[in-house]
Amino acid sequence: MAYYVFLSNFTDQGIKAIKDTQKRAEAFKAAASKSGVKVHTLLWTLGQYDVVGITEAKDDIAATALSLSIASLGNIRTQTLRAFDTADMTKILAKVA
């Protein structure tokens, strides 16, 4: 399993219906679960991004499909980052020349 960071910003549509953001977050978690993606946490944030999610998926395809699915609803725009934990970095650094 691989880690992914979802960085999200509300669209005009999403901010107009801001009172539904927690319901949408629960719907995101349900959709993620159905697609085999585990949501570790969702955080509403101040600053450049409105919502940050930490997830775990079997591969880039599963994470990207989830990102596109939620973005297609029109409430947020997403940016997805592949993330590496300590075990991954150990393997990566072992291959550095």
Protein backbone atom coordinates (compact mmCIF):
# COMPACT_ATOMS: atom_id res chain seq x y z
CA MET A 1 0.00 0.00 0.00
CA ALA A 2 1.16 3.52 -0.79
CA TYR A 3 0.41 6.83 0.92
CA TYR A 4 -1.19 9.80 -0.82
CA VAL A 5 -1.84 13.34 0.32
CA PHE A 6 -4.95 14.97 -1.13
CA LEU A 7 -4.76 18.78 -1.19
CA SER A 8 -8.15 20.30 -1.91
CA ASN A 9 -9.67 23.70 -2.51
CA PHE A 10 -13.37 24.51 -2.55
CA THR A 11 -14.84 25.60 -5.85
CA ASP A 12 -17.49 28.32 -5.99
CA GLN A 13 -20.09 25.52 -5.89
CA GLY A 14 -18.43 23.93 -2.88
CA ILE A 15 -18.16 27.14 -0.88
CA LYS A 16 -21.80 28.05 -1.58
CA ALA A 17 -22.79 24.76 0.06
CA ILE A 18 -20.12 24.90 2.80
CA LYS A 19 -22.56 23.70 5.45
CA ASP A 20 -22.55 20.32 3.66
CA THR A 21 -18.77 19.92 3.84
CA GLN A 22 -18.90 17.33 6.64
CA LYS A 23 -21.55 15.30 4.77
CA ARG A 24 -19.37 15.44 1.66
CA ALA A 25 -16.38 14.30 3.73
CA GLU A 26 -18.34 11.26 4.92
CA ALA A 27 -19.39 10.52 1.33
CA PHE A 28 -15.70 10.77 0.32
CA LYS A 29 -14.74 8.26 3.02
CA ALA A 30 -17.47 5.87 1.84
CA ALA A 31 -16.39 6.17 -1.80
CA ALA A 32 -12.76 5.66 -0.82
CA SER A 33 -13.62 2.54 1.16
CA LYS A 34 -15.57 1.08 -1.78
CA SER A 35 -12.59 1.64 -4.05
CA GLY A 36 -10.12 0.08 -1.63
CA VAL A 37 -8.58 3.34 -0.44
CA LYS A 38 -8.16 3.86 3.31
CA VAL A 39 -8.67 7.41 4.59
CA HIS A 40 -6.41 8.00 7.57
CA THR A 41 -7.54 11.57 8.22
CA LEU A 42 -9.30 14.57 6.72
CA LEU A 43 -8.43 18.01 8.04
CA TRP A 44 -9.97 21.39 7.25
CA THR A 45 -7.11 23.86 7.10
CA LEU A 46 -6.23 27.54 7.00
CA GLY A 47 -3.90 28.76 4.30
CA GLN A 48 -3.38 27.68 0.72
CA TYR A 49 -5.60 24.57 0.92
CA ASP A 50 -9.07 24.16 2.40
CA VAL A 51 -8.97 20.42 3.10
CA VAL A 52 -6.05 18.00 3.43
CA GLY A 53 -6.52 14.24 3.40
CA ILE A 54 -4.05 11.47 4.16
CA THR A 55 -4.93 8.22 2.44
CA GLU A 56 -3.48 4.83 1.65
CA ALA A 57 -4.13 3.03 -1.65
CA LYS A 58 -2.81 -0.04 -3.41
CA ASP A 59 -1.46 2.01 -6.33
CA ASP A 60 -1.46 5.29 -8.26
CA ILE A 61 -4.42 4.17 -10.37
CA ALA A 62 -6.71 3.69 -7.34
CA ALA A 63 -5.66 7.03 -5.82
CA THR A 64 -6.04 8.92 -9.10
CA ALA A 65 -9.44 7.38 -9.85
CA LEU A 66 -10.67 8.45 -6.40
CA SER A 67 -9.28 11.97 -6.87
CA LEU A 68 -10.95 12.35 -10.26
CA SER A 69 -14.23 10.93 -8.96
CA ILE A 70 -14.51 13.43 -6.14
CA ALA A 71 -13.33 16.36 -8.26
CA SER A 72 -15.93 15.53 -10.92
CA LEU A 73 -18.70 16.31 -8.41
CA GLY A 74 -17.71 19.97 -8.70
CA ASN A 75 -17.27 20.92 -5.03
CA ILE A 76 -13.48 20.80 -4.87
CA ARG A 77 -10.35 20.86 -6.98
CA THR A 78 -7.70 18.42 -5.90
CA GLN A 79 -3.99 17.91 -6.11
CA THR A 80 -2.71 14.46 -5.19
CA LEU A 81 0.80 13.85 -3.89
CA ARG A 82 2.48 10.45 -3.58
CA ALA A 83 4.03 10.26 -0.11
CA PHE A 84 6.71 8.01 1.40
CA ASP A 85 7.01 6.76 4.97
CA THR A 86 10.23 5.92 6.81
CA ALA A 87 10.36 2.35 5.49
CA ASP A 88 9.96 3.59 1.90
CA MET A 89 12.68 6.21 2.39
CA THR A 90 15.05 3.57 3.75
CA LYS A 91 14.58 1.57 0.54
CA ILE A 92 14.94 4.68 -1.62
CA LEU A 93 18.10 5.87 0.12
CA ALA A 94 19.66 2.40 -0.19
CA LYS A 95 19.54 2.88 -3.98
CA VAL A 96 21.07 6.36 -3.95
CA ALA A 97 24.55 6.26 -5.44
